[in-house]
Amino acid sequence: MKKTLATLAASGMLAFAGQSAVAQEEITVAYFLEWPMPFLAAKASGAYDEALGKKVNWVSFETGTAMSAAMASGDVQIAVSQGLPPFVVATSGGQDLQIVDVAVSYAENQGCAVHSDLEIDKDSAGELAGKKVAVPLGTAAHYSFIRQMEHFGVPLDSLQIVDMPPPEGANALGQKAVDFACGYGGGWANMQEFGDVLLTGDEKQELGILVFDVTSSPASFVAENGDVVAEFVKVTAAANAEWNANHSDEMLAVIAKESGMDVEAAKGAISTMKFPSVDDQLSETWLGGNAATFMKGVADVFVGAGSIDSALDSYEDAVNTGPLSAASGS
């Protein structure tokens, strides 16, 4: 696992070398399909293009690690809903990225499921030792997997860990090519068709396993295009506020279409998500303090698991509340 994550971080840094963020007529934004969020309604309406005064190109990705690589190469300027762990992996490896808002909190929309035939649950999880598991390395699901195995006392070196995006992990679980699988989004929903959930969202939170995604961007782009980033997070905040206030069927239909899901599936997924207000995001709970501390904890877990070589002394510089503060007028 360490070799895989180190390679991802190193390749991103090599691609990043020599890149300089400049004012552009168009920007490219990364996002996930099968991940229904309010910003997709603003994407569909053209609200981002109008507010930014430029064309916004949207490109879908399967993992947050791929988002990091795309930002390192200069192909992507902003990533929406990048998992915190892949962000931590990239910054720990030297990539100069910054968090500009909290995209979503989703403890119930991610986890690990064991194939039902094995009849293993949280009370017998020790039996997972020696089993084969599909995990998207360097993602929020990877971090959660590590913490869950620690909780259950299952040594990571006793497992055969296969790096798979959630949709592929779900397929592998269904075909019994793996014994259990961890993921998020649509892939996670499919995993639950074949397997039993190890820990619920509330159970994970009780263990201190927080699960949230961020909107991230290369620090150089934020520095040179702060007004653009501020407008971007402002549009996102407005979409979140509308959804939080109304949960309208009309908005849900648009979100579902944009995420490539049917309405019922999108409704089920988004019902497990929380979208913090701007004030909440700027508070101590999130970007005002705890986010940097939590990132340090995530990095230390990855170091302890042998997934990355080292952690930064502090992740405070990886959080930039300037655009969000500007968007709120504070």
Protein backbone atom coordinates (compact mmCIF):
# COMPACT_ATOMS: atom_id res chain seq x y z
CA MET A 1 0.00 0.00 0.00
CA LYS A 2 2.83 2.38 0.85
CA LYS A 3 4.38 1.92 -2.60
CA THR A 4 1.05 2.62 -4.29
CA LEU A 5 0.32 5.82 -2.36
CA ALA A 6 3.90 7.03 -2.60
CA THR A 7 3.77 6.55 -6.36
CA LEU A 8 0.53 8.49 -6.61
CA ALA A 9 1.94 11.36 -4.57
CA ALA A 10 5.27 11.40 -6.40
CA SER A 11 3.70 11.30 -9.87
CA GLY A 12 1.45 14.15 -8.85
CA MET A 13 4.40 16.24 -7.69
CA LEU A 14 6.37 15.60 -10.87
CA ALA A 15 3.43 16.66 -12.97
CA PHE A 16 2.95 19.71 -10.79
CA ALA A 17 6.52 20.93 -11.25
CA GLY A 18 6.67 23.89 -13.57
CA GLN A 19 2.91 24.48 -13.49
CA SER A 20 1.71 27.98 -12.66
CA ALA A 21 -1.89 28.93 -12.01
CA VAL A 22 -2.91 31.86 -14.17
CA ALA A 23 -6.16 33.62 -14.91
CA GLN A 24 -8.06 31.47 -17.37
CA GLU A 25 -11.07 31.92 -19.61
CA GLU A 26 -12.22 28.45 -18.57
CA ILE A 27 -11.65 26.27 -15.53
CA THR A 28 -12.09 22.55 -15.04
CA VAL A 29 -13.76 21.12 -11.95
CA ALA A 30 -13.58 17.52 -10.77
CA TYR A 31 -16.56 15.74 -9.22
CA PHE A 32 -18.01 12.27 -8.65
CA LEU A 33 -20.88 10.56 -10.43
CA GLU A 34 -23.30 8.54 -8.28
CA TRP A 35 -22.66 11.06 -5.51
CA PRO A 36 -25.81 13.26 -5.31
CA MET A 37 -25.14 16.69 -3.86
CA PRO A 38 -26.91 20.08 -4.08
CA PHE A 39 -24.12 21.72 -6.11
CA LEU A 40 -25.18 19.55 -9.05
CA ALA A 41 -28.38 21.59 -9.37
CA ALA A 42 -26.27 24.73 -9.70
CA LYS A 43 -24.07 22.92 -12.22
CA ALA A 44 -27.14 22.09 -14.30
CA SER A 45 -28.54 25.63 -14.19
CA GLY A 46 -25.28 27.24 -15.27
CA ALA A 47 -25.06 29.18 -11.99
CA TYR A 48 -21.31 28.60 -11.71
CA ASP A 49 -20.58 29.90 -15.21
CA GLU A 50 -22.69 32.98 -14.55
CA ALA A 51 -21.17 33.77 -11.16
CA LEU A 52 -17.57 33.13 -12.23
CA GLY A 53 -17.96 34.86 -15.58
CA LYS A 54 -16.27 32.00 -17.37
CA LYS A 55 -17.00 28.52 -18.67
CA VAL A 56 -16.76 25.76 -16.11
CA ASN A 57 -15.88 22.35 -17.52
CA TRP A 58 -16.92 19.40 -15.35
CA VAL A 59 -14.99 16.12 -15.37
CA SER A 60 -16.03 13.07 -13.34
CA PHE A 61 -13.53 10.94 -11.41
CA GLU A 62 -13.73 7.63 -9.55
CA THR A 63 -11.35 8.41 -6.67
CA GLY A 64 -9.99 11.36 -4.75
CA THR A 65 -6.43 10.22 -5.49
CA ALA A 66 -7.12 10.67 -9.20
CA MET A 67 -8.40 14.16 -8.43
CA SER A 68 -5.10 14.99 -6.71
CA ALA A 69 -3.13 13.83 -9.74
CA ALA A 70 -5.30 15.89 -12.08
CA MET A 71 -4.79 19.02 -9.97
CA ALA A 72 -1.06 18.34 -9.84
CA SER A 73 -0.89 18.15 -13.64
CA GLY A 74 -2.81 21.39 -14.01
CA ASP A 75 -5.72 19.68 -15.76
CA VAL A 76 -8.12 20.46 -12.88
CA GLN A 77 -8.35 23.68 -10.88
CA ILE A 78 -10.98 22.74 -8.30
CA ALA A 79 -12.13 19.37 -6.94
CA VAL A 80 -15.56 19.08 -5.34
CA SER A 81 -16.09 16.47 -2.65
CA GLN A 82 -12.56 15.12 -2.60
CA GLY A 83 -12.27 12.72 0.32
CA LEU A 84 -10.21 14.07 3.20
CA PRO A 85 -7.83 11.07 3.32
CA PRO A 86 -6.72 11.39 -0.35
CA PHE A 87 -6.25 15.10 0.30
CA VAL A 88 -4.08 14.25 3.30
CA VAL A 89 -2.08 11.71 1.30
CA ALA A 90 -1.35 14.31 -1.39
CA THR A 91 -0.38 17.11 1.01
CA SER A 92 1.71 14.74 3.11
CA GLY A 93 3.59 13.85 -0.06
CA GLY A 94 4.35 17.50 -0.75
CA GLN A 95 1.54 18.52 -3.09
CA ASP A 96 0.50 22.09 -2.28
CA LEU A 97 -3.28 21.76 -2.07
CA GLN A 98 -5.70 23.67 0.12
CA ILE A 99 -9.17 23.00 1.49
CA VAL A 100 -11.57 25.84 0.63
CA ASP A 101 -14.80 24.39 2.03
CA VAL A 102 -16.39 21.35 3.67
CA ALA A 103 -18.32 19.68 0.88
CA VAL A 104 -20.28 17.06 2.80
CA SER A 105 -20.33 14.92 5.93
CA TYR A 106 -21.51 11.37 5.30
CA ALA A 107 -20.81 8.78 7.96
CA GLU A 108 -23.63 6.53 6.71
CA ASN A 109 -22.69 6.72 3.06
CA GLN A 110 -19.42 4.88 3.36
CA GLY A 111 -18.20 1.74 5.06
CA CYS A 112 -17.18 -1.90 4.82
CA ALA A 113 -19.41 -4.88 4.06
CA VAL A 114 -18.60 -8.58 4.50
CA HIS A 115 -20.07 -11.11 2.07
CA SER A 116 -23.24 -12.47 3.65
CA ASP A 117 -22.18 -16.09 3.11
CA LEU A 118 -19.40 -15.63 5.67
CA GLU A 119 -21.85 -14.62 8.41
CA ILE A 120 -19.30 -12.30 9.99
CA ASP A 121 -20.49 -9.20 11.85
CA LYS A 122 -19.05 -6.75 14.38
CA ASP A 123 -19.21 -9.39 17.10
CA SER A 124 -17.14 -11.88 15.11
CA ALA A 125 -15.00 -9.46 13.09
CA GLY A 126 -11.81 -11.10 14.34
CA GLU A 127 -12.54 -13.83 11.80
CA LEU A 128 -11.65 -11.37 9.02
CA ALA A 129 -7.95 -12.09 9.58
CA GLY A 130 -6.58 -13.86 6.53
CA LYS A 131 -9.39 -12.64 4.29
CA LYS A 132 -9.25 -10.73 0.98
CA VAL A 133 -10.63 -7.19 0.88
CA ALA A 134 -11.22 -4.59 -1.84
CA VAL A 135 -10.33 -1.05 -0.73
CA PRO A 136 -9.87 2.16 -2.77
CA LEU A 137 -6.44 3.10 -1.40
CA GLY A 138 -5.80 6.62 -0.18
CA THR A 139 -9.50 7.47 0.13
CA ALA A 140 -11.92 8.12 2.97
CA ALA A 141 -12.97 4.48 2.73
CA HIS A 142 -9.32 3.42 3.15
CA TYR A 143 -8.91 5.50 6.32
CA SER A 144 -12.17 4.17 7.73
CA PHE A 145 -11.11 0.61 6.87
CA ILE A 146 -7.82 1.02 8.75
CA ARG A 147 -9.55 2.43 11.81
CA GLN A 148 -12.17 -0.33 11.79
CA MET A 149 -9.53 -3.05 11.54
CA GLU A 150 -7.68 -1.42 14.45
CA HIS A 151 -10.90 -1.42 16.46
CA PHE A 152 -11.52 -5.10 15.75
CA GLY A 153 -7.91 -6.09 16.34
CA VAL A 154 -7.40 -7.42 12.81
CA PRO A 155 -3.76 -6.90 11.71
CA LEU A 156 -3.51 -5.26 8.30
CA ASP A 157 -0.65 -7.56 7.33
CA SER A 158 -2.96 -10.54 7.85
CA LEU A 159 -5.22 -9.33 5.04
CA GLN A 160 -4.88 -9.50 1.27
CA ILE A 161 -5.71 -5.91 0.33
CA VAL A 162 -6.66 -5.19 -3.28
CA ASP A 163 -6.86 -1.58 -4.53
CA MET A 164 -10.25 -1.19 -6.25
CA PRO A 165 -12.61 1.77 -6.89
CA PRO A 166 -15.94 1.20 -5.10
CA PRO A 167 -17.92 0.07 -8.21
CA GLU A 168 -15.28 -2.58 -8.97
CA GLY A 169 -15.10 -3.57 -5.31
CA ALA A 170 -18.85 -4.10 -5.26
CA ASN A 171 -18.66 -6.30 -8.35
CA ALA A 172 -15.81 -8.31 -6.83
CA LEU A 173 -17.81 -8.79 -3.64
CA GLY A 174 -20.84 -9.94 -5.61
CA GLN A 175 -18.71 -12.46 -7.49
CA LYS A 176 -17.04 -13.60 -4.25
CA ALA A 177 -13.67 -12.59 -5.67
CA VAL A 178 -13.12 -10.81 -2.33
CA ASP A 179 -14.44 -11.61 1.14
CA PHE A 180 -15.30 -8.05 2.04
CA ALA A 181 -15.14 -4.63 0.46
CA CYS A 182 -15.05 -1.00 1.53
CA GLY A 183 -16.30 1.99 -0.43
CA TYR A 184 -18.66 4.93 -0.75
CA GLY A 185 -21.42 6.29 -2.96
CA GLY A 186 -23.10 4.02 -5.49
CA GLY A 187 -20.45 1.37 -5.02
CA TRP A 188 -21.16 1.27 -1.30
CA ALA A 189 -24.89 0.90 -1.94
CA ASN A 190 -24.17 -2.07 -4.21
CA MET A 191 -21.84 -3.66 -1.67
CA GLN A 192 -24.70 -3.80 0.81
CA GLU A 193 -26.70 -5.94 -1.64
CA PHE A 194 -24.13 -8.71 -1.24
CA GLY A 195 -22.71 -8.13 2.22
CA ASP A 196 -23.40 -7.23 5.82
CA VAL A 197 -22.33 -3.82 7.17
CA LEU A 198 -19.57 -4.03 9.79
CA LEU A 199 -20.26 -0.72 11.56
CA THR A 200 -23.03 1.85 11.11
CA GLY A 201 -22.30 5.55 10.71
CA ASP A 202 -23.21 6.27 14.34
CA GLU A 203 -20.99 3.42 15.52
CA LYS A 204 -18.06 4.79 13.50
CA GLN A 205 -18.57 8.31 14.83
CA GLU A 206 -18.56 6.95 18.39
CA LEU A 207 -15.08 5.60 17.63
CA GLY A 208 -14.00 9.01 16.33
CA ILE A 209 -14.07 7.94 12.67
CA LEU A 210 -15.32 11.13 11.02
CA VAL A 211 -16.20 10.95 7.36
CA PHE A 212 -16.30 14.12 5.29
CA ASP A 213 -15.22 15.45 1.91
CA VAL A 214 -13.76 18.82 1.01
CA THR A 215 -13.58 21.20 -1.89
CA SER A 216 -9.89 21.52 -2.70
CA SER A 217 -7.68 23.45 -5.07
CA PRO A 218 -3.97 23.97 -5.75
CA ALA A 219 -2.66 26.68 -3.41
CA SER A 220 -1.18 28.61 -6.34
CA PHE A 221 -4.55 28.73 -8.08
CA VAL A 222 -6.28 29.97 -4.92
CA ALA A 223 -3.60 32.63 -4.42
CA GLU A 224 -3.89 33.96 -7.96
CA ASN A 225 -7.64 33.44 -8.41
CA GLY A 226 -9.09 34.03 -4.96
CA ASP A 227 -12.11 35.87 -6.32
CA VAL A 228 -12.94 32.95 -8.62
CA VAL A 229 -12.70 30.45 -5.77
CA ALA A 230 -14.79 32.70 -3.53
CA GLU A 231 -17.55 32.89 -6.14
CA PHE A 232 -17.38 29.14 -6.63
CA VAL A 233 -17.86 28.32 -2.93
CA LYS A 234 -20.57 31.01 -2.71
CA VAL A 235 -22.62 29.29 -5.42
CA THR A 236 -22.08 25.94 -3.69
CA ALA A 237 -23.19 27.40 -0.35
CA ALA A 238 -26.36 28.80 -1.92
CA ALA A 239 -27.24 25.42 -3.41
CA ASN A 240 -26.60 23.73 -0.05
CA ALA A 241 -28.78 26.28 1.75
CA GLU A 242 -31.62 25.76 -0.72
CA TRP A 243 -31.47 21.99 -0.27
CA ASN A 244 -31.19 22.19 3.51
CA ALA A 245 -34.24 24.47 3.64
CA ASN A 246 -36.55 22.73 1.19
CA HIS A 247 -35.49 19.22 0.10
CA SER A 248 -37.70 19.82 -2.93
CA ASP A 249 -38.60 17.02 -5.31
CA GLU A 250 -37.77 19.28 -8.25
CA MET A 251 -34.24 19.90 -7.01
CA LEU A 252 -33.79 16.22 -6.17
CA ALA A 253 -34.77 15.25 -9.72
CA VAL A 254 -32.08 17.50 -11.16
CA ILE A 255 -29.48 16.27 -8.68
CA ALA A 256 -30.31 12.67 -9.52
CA LYS A 257 -30.02 13.25 -13.26
CA GLU A 258 -26.70 15.06 -12.92
CA SER A 259 -25.28 12.32 -10.70
CA GLY A 260 -26.33 9.55 -13.10
CA MET A 261 -28.76 7.96 -10.62
CA ASP A 262 -32.46 7.27 -10.53
CA VAL A 263 -34.45 9.49 -8.18
CA GLU A 264 -35.05 6.88 -5.49
CA ALA A 265 -31.39 5.88 -5.32
CA ALA A 266 -30.34 9.53 -5.16
CA LYS A 267 -32.91 10.21 -2.45
CA GLY A 268 -31.60 7.35 -0.37
CA ALA A 269 -27.99 8.47 -0.73
CA ILE A 270 -28.49 12.17 -0.10
CA SER A 271 -30.64 11.44 2.95
CA THR A 272 -27.48 10.22 4.70
CA MET A 273 -25.52 13.35 3.85
CA LYS A 274 -25.14 16.61 5.76
CA PHE A 275 -24.12 19.92 4.19
CA PRO A 276 -22.74 22.35 6.80
CA SER A 277 -23.62 26.03 6.48
CA VAL A 278 -20.90 28.60 5.83
CA ASP A 279 -21.00 29.70 9.47
CA ASP A 280 -20.63 26.11 10.63
CA GLN A 281 -17.75 25.53 8.24
CA LEU A 282 -15.91 28.58 9.54
CA SER A 283 -16.44 27.52 13.15
CA GLU A 284 -13.97 25.69 15.36
CA THR A 285 -15.83 22.45 14.66
CA TRP A 286 -14.68 22.45 11.05
CA LEU A 287 -12.25 24.72 9.22
CA GLY A 288 -11.78 27.09 12.14
CA GLY A 289 -9.63 24.57 13.97
CA ASN A 290 -10.63 20.92 14.13
CA ALA A 291 -10.08 20.12 10.45
CA ALA A 292 -6.32 20.66 10.64
CA THR A 293 -6.09 18.64 13.86
CA PHE A 294 -8.16 15.82 12.38
CA MET A 295 -5.97 15.76 9.24
CA LYS A 296 -2.92 15.29 11.43
CA GLY A 297 -4.66 12.34 13.04
CA VAL A 298 -5.52 10.82 9.66
CA ALA A 299 -1.93 11.23 8.47
CA ASP A 300 -0.54 9.64 11.64
CA VAL A 301 -2.86 6.65 11.17
CA PHE A 302 -1.62 6.24 7.58
CA VAL A 303 1.99 6.45 8.75
CA GLY A 304 1.35 3.88 11.45
CA ALA A 305 -0.29 1.58 8.91
CA GLY A 306 2.69 1.93 6.57
CA SER A 307 0.58 3.59 3.88
CA ILE A 308 2.64 6.79 3.67
CA ASP A 309 6.19 7.53 4.75
CA SER A 310 5.60 10.57 6.92
CA ALA A 311 3.13 13.18 8.06
CA LEU A 312 3.46 16.95 8.12
CA ASP A 313 4.10 18.59 11.47
CA SER A 314 0.91 20.60 10.97
CA TYR A 315 -1.86 20.80 8.37
CA GLU A 316 -2.96 24.34 9.20
CA ASP A 317 -1.50 25.70 5.96
CA ALA A 318 -3.59 23.17 4.05
CA VAL A 319 -6.76 25.00 5.12
CA ASN A 320 -7.62 28.34 3.50
CA THR A 321 -10.79 29.98 4.84
CA GLY A 322 -10.20 33.17 2.84
CA PRO A 323 -12.52 32.35 -0.09
CA LEU A 324 -15.29 31.09 2.17
CA SER A 325 -14.99 34.15 4.43
CA ALA A 326 -15.13 36.40 1.37
CA ALA A 327 -18.18 34.54 0.09
CA SER A 328 -19.95 35.07 3.40
CA GLY A 329 -18.98 38.71 3.57
CA SER A 330 -17.13 38.19 6.86
